[in-house]
Amino acid sequence: MLNKKNKIQKKKEVDELFKKGRSSFDKFLGVKVLKTQNKINRFVIVVSTKVSKKAVERNRLKRQINEVVRLNLKRLEVGYDFFILALPPISQKNYHEIESLFLAHCKKLKTLS
């Protein structure tokens, strides 16, 4: 589980990130990134009801994405806000496939160190 300091909690900050951030999307996952003045990376993970109507499945996906982020936090460059959006086909992916998708997006957005 990510620390509270690594989560974006204010709607205003999420809206700014969504409007001004650079993005990378495929049919499974979308990632938006915005450079900030912070000394840490912060994240928002969104899994909507379009992915699954069942809260159990949405929460499982959130936990998996959360764990992918937590374990790869040291590999990311410092000072970014991330918006991670799970798209409906991601429910057929396993943990390792989700991890490789996330890292591919980070590489594309040049946030890997």
C-alpha atoms as a PDB file:
ATOM      1  CA  MET A   1       0.000   0.000   0.000  1.00  0.00           C
ATOM      2  CA  LEU A   2       1.279   3.443  -0.873  1.00  0.00           C
ATOM      3  CA  ASN A   3       1.954   5.908   1.924  1.00  0.00           C
ATOM      4  CA  LYS A   4      -0.540   8.713   2.400  1.00  0.00           C
ATOM      5  CA  LYS A   5       2.147  11.223   1.365  1.00  0.00           C
ATOM      6  CA  ASN A   6       2.318   9.500  -2.055  1.00  0.00           C
ATOM      7  CA  LYS A   7      -1.380  10.016  -2.809  1.00  0.00           C
ATOM      8  CA  ILE A   8      -3.064  13.049  -4.330  1.00  0.00           C
ATOM      9  CA  GLN A   9      -6.216  13.759  -2.375  1.00  0.00           C
ATOM     10  CA  LYS A  10      -7.414  17.198  -3.481  1.00  0.00           C
ATOM     11  CA  LYS A  11      -9.758  17.409  -6.440  1.00  0.00           C
ATOM     12  CA  LYS A  12      -8.168  20.689  -7.517  1.00  0.00           C
ATOM     13  CA  GLU A  13      -4.763  18.999  -7.863  1.00  0.00           C
ATOM     14  CA  VAL A  14      -6.262  16.070  -9.788  1.00  0.00           C
ATOM     15  CA  ASP A  15      -8.046  18.464 -12.173  1.00  0.00           C
ATOM     16  CA  GLU A  16      -4.821  20.418 -12.799  1.00  0.00           C
ATOM     17  CA  LEU A  17      -2.916  17.190 -13.429  1.00  0.00           C
ATOM     18  CA  PHE A  18      -5.572  15.999 -15.851  1.00  0.00           C
ATOM     19  CA  LYS A  19      -5.617  19.309 -17.765  1.00  0.00           C
ATOM     20  CA  LYS A  20      -1.894  20.088 -17.926  1.00  0.00           C
ATOM     21  CA  GLY A  21      -0.254  16.665 -17.782  1.00  0.00           C
ATOM     22  CA  ARG A  22       1.401  14.701 -20.579  1.00  0.00           C
ATOM     23  CA  SER A  23      -0.407  11.468 -21.367  1.00  0.00           C
ATOM     24  CA  SER A  24       0.153   7.963 -22.620  1.00  0.00           C
ATOM     25  CA  PHE A  25      -2.816   5.712 -23.310  1.00  0.00           C
ATOM     26  CA  ASP A  26      -3.340   2.243 -24.730  1.00  0.00           C
ATOM     27  CA  LYS A  27      -6.415   0.019 -24.645  1.00  0.00           C
ATOM     28  CA  PHE A  28      -5.661  -1.251 -21.106  1.00  0.00           C
ATOM     29  CA  LEU A  29      -4.180   1.636 -19.138  1.00  0.00           C
ATOM     30  CA  GLY A  30      -3.872   5.395 -19.299  1.00  0.00           C
ATOM     31  CA  VAL A  31      -1.211   7.409 -17.499  1.00  0.00           C
ATOM     32  CA  LYS A  32      -0.997  11.190 -17.207  1.00  0.00           C
ATOM     33  CA  VAL A  33       2.099  12.838 -15.726  1.00  0.00           C
ATOM     34  CA  LEU A  34       2.790  16.374 -14.510  1.00  0.00           C
ATOM     35  CA  LYS A  35       6.163  17.682 -13.272  1.00  0.00           C
ATOM     36  CA  THR A  36       5.880  19.324  -9.834  1.00  0.00           C
ATOM     37  CA  GLN A  37       8.128  21.013  -7.264  1.00  0.00           C
ATOM     38  CA  ASN A  38       7.589  18.180  -4.748  1.00  0.00           C
ATOM     39  CA  LYS A  39      10.458  15.961  -3.603  1.00  0.00           C
ATOM     40  CA  ILE A  40       8.231  12.872  -3.918  1.00  0.00           C
ATOM     41  CA  ASN A  41       5.999  11.263  -6.528  1.00  0.00           C
ATOM     42  CA  ARG A  42       2.252  11.301  -5.934  1.00  0.00           C
ATOM     43  CA  PHE A  43      -0.408   9.116  -7.520  1.00  0.00           C
ATOM     44  CA  VAL A  44      -4.130   8.877  -8.236  1.00  0.00           C
ATOM     45  CA  ILE A  45      -5.500   5.502  -9.325  1.00  0.00           C
ATOM     46  CA  VAL A  46      -8.942   5.374 -10.939  1.00  0.00           C
ATOM     47  CA  VAL A  47     -10.840   2.175 -11.746  1.00  0.00           C
ATOM     48  CA  SER A  48     -14.370   3.094 -12.819  1.00  0.00           C
ATOM     49  CA  THR A  49     -17.541   1.029 -12.954  1.00  0.00           C
ATOM     50  CA  LYS A  50     -16.971   0.708 -16.708  1.00  0.00           C
ATOM     51  CA  VAL A  51     -14.165  -1.733 -15.880  1.00  0.00           C
ATOM     52  CA  SER A  52     -16.430  -3.878 -13.708  1.00  0.00           C
ATOM     53  CA  LYS A  53     -19.758  -3.423 -11.978  1.00  0.00           C
ATOM     54  CA  LYS A  54     -18.465  -5.446  -9.030  1.00  0.00           C
ATOM     55  CA  ALA A  55     -16.652  -3.450  -6.359  1.00  0.00           C
ATOM     56  CA  VAL A  56     -14.633  -6.524  -5.400  1.00  0.00           C
ATOM     57  CA  GLU A  57     -13.057  -6.686  -8.864  1.00  0.00           C
ATOM     58  CA  ARG A  58     -12.450  -2.917  -9.051  1.00  0.00           C
ATOM     59  CA  ASN A  59     -10.784  -2.922  -5.634  1.00  0.00           C
ATOM     60  CA  ARG A  60      -8.622  -5.921  -6.581  1.00  0.00           C
ATOM     61  CA  LEU A  61      -7.406  -4.043  -9.658  1.00  0.00           C
ATOM     62  CA  LYS A  62      -6.724  -0.923  -7.565  1.00  0.00           C
ATOM     63  CA  ARG A  63      -4.694  -2.979  -5.108  1.00  0.00           C
ATOM     64  CA  GLN A  64      -2.709  -4.577  -7.934  1.00  0.00           C
ATOM     65  CA  ILE A  65      -1.934  -1.224  -9.563  1.00  0.00           C
ATOM     66  CA  ASN A  66      -1.120   0.221  -6.137  1.00  0.00           C
ATOM     67  CA  GLU A  67       1.367  -2.589  -5.516  1.00  0.00           C
ATOM     68  CA  VAL A  68       2.955  -2.166  -8.964  1.00  0.00           C
ATOM     69  CA  VAL A  69       3.484   1.518  -8.201  1.00  0.00           C
ATOM     70  CA  ARG A  70       4.806   0.865  -4.678  1.00  0.00           C
ATOM     71  CA  LEU A  71       7.350  -1.709  -5.810  1.00  0.00           C
ATOM     72  CA  ASN A  72       8.595   0.440  -8.707  1.00  0.00           C
ATOM     73  CA  LEU A  73       8.625   3.763  -6.832  1.00  0.00           C
ATOM     74  CA  LYS A  74      12.431   3.801  -6.580  1.00  0.00           C
ATOM     75  CA  ARG A  75      12.764   3.319 -10.358  1.00  0.00           C
ATOM     76  CA  LEU A  76      10.760   6.484 -11.117  1.00  0.00           C
ATOM     77  CA  GLU A  77      12.260   9.959 -11.320  1.00  0.00           C
ATOM     78  CA  VAL A  78      11.314  12.202  -8.399  1.00  0.00           C
ATOM     79  CA  GLY A  79       8.937  15.165  -8.609  1.00  0.00           C
ATOM     80  CA  TYR A  80       5.990  13.930 -10.658  1.00  0.00           C
ATOM     81  CA  ASP A  81       2.256  13.565 -10.118  1.00  0.00           C
ATOM     82  CA  PHE A  82       0.707  10.524 -11.817  1.00  0.00           C
ATOM     83  CA  PHE A  83      -2.910   9.911 -12.833  1.00  0.00           C
ATOM     84  CA  ILE A  84      -3.441   6.216 -13.603  1.00  0.00           C
ATOM     85  CA  LEU A  85      -6.687   5.239 -15.311  1.00  0.00           C
ATOM     86  CA  ALA A  86      -7.638   1.590 -15.737  1.00  0.00           C
ATOM     87  CA  LEU A  87      -9.641   0.905 -18.886  1.00  0.00           C
ATOM     88  CA  PRO A  88     -12.166  -1.967 -19.245  1.00  0.00           C
ATOM     89  CA  PRO A  89      -9.988  -4.613 -20.993  1.00  0.00           C
ATOM     90  CA  ILE A  90      -7.503  -4.535 -18.074  1.00  0.00           C
ATOM     91  CA  SER A  91      -9.716  -6.936 -16.108  1.00  0.00           C
ATOM     92  CA  GLN A  92      -8.302  -9.801 -18.230  1.00  0.00           C
ATOM     93  CA  LYS A  93      -4.681  -8.953 -17.365  1.00  0.00           C
ATOM     94  CA  ASN A  94      -2.690 -10.465 -14.515  1.00  0.00           C
ATOM     95  CA  TYR A  95      -0.346  -8.647 -12.131  1.00  0.00           C
ATOM     96  CA  HIS A  96       2.830  -9.057 -14.212  1.00  0.00           C
ATOM     97  CA  GLU A  97       1.137  -7.839 -17.382  1.00  0.00           C
ATOM     98  CA  ILE A  98      -0.184  -4.778 -15.517  1.00  0.00           C
ATOM     99  CA  GLU A  99       3.332  -4.092 -14.236  1.00  0.00           C
ATOM    100  CA  SER A 100       4.841  -4.265 -17.720  1.00  0.00           C
ATOM    101  CA  LEU A 101       2.090  -1.971 -19.085  1.00  0.00           C
ATOM    102  CA  PHE A 102       2.747   0.621 -16.362  1.00  0.00           C
ATOM    103  CA  LEU A 103       6.516   0.534 -16.875  1.00  0.00           C
ATOM    104  CA  ALA A 104       6.066   0.865 -20.653  1.00  0.00           C
ATOM    105  CA  HIS A 105       3.980   4.002 -20.125  1.00  0.00           C
ATOM    106  CA  CYS A 106       6.575   5.407 -17.703  1.00  0.00           C
ATOM    107  CA  LYS A 107       9.323   4.750 -20.226  1.00  0.00           C
ATOM    108  CA  LYS A 108       7.316   6.435 -22.970  1.00  0.00           C
ATOM    109  CA  LEU A 109       6.713   9.476 -20.708  1.00  0.00           C
ATOM    110  CA  LYS A 110      10.432   9.537 -19.720  1.00  0.00           C
ATOM    111  CA  THR A 111       9.780   9.202 -15.989  1.00  0.00           C
ATOM    112  CA  LEU A 112      11.942   6.123 -15.438  1.00  0.00           C
ATOM    113  CA  SER A 113      15.371   6.825 -13.979  1.00  0.00           C
END
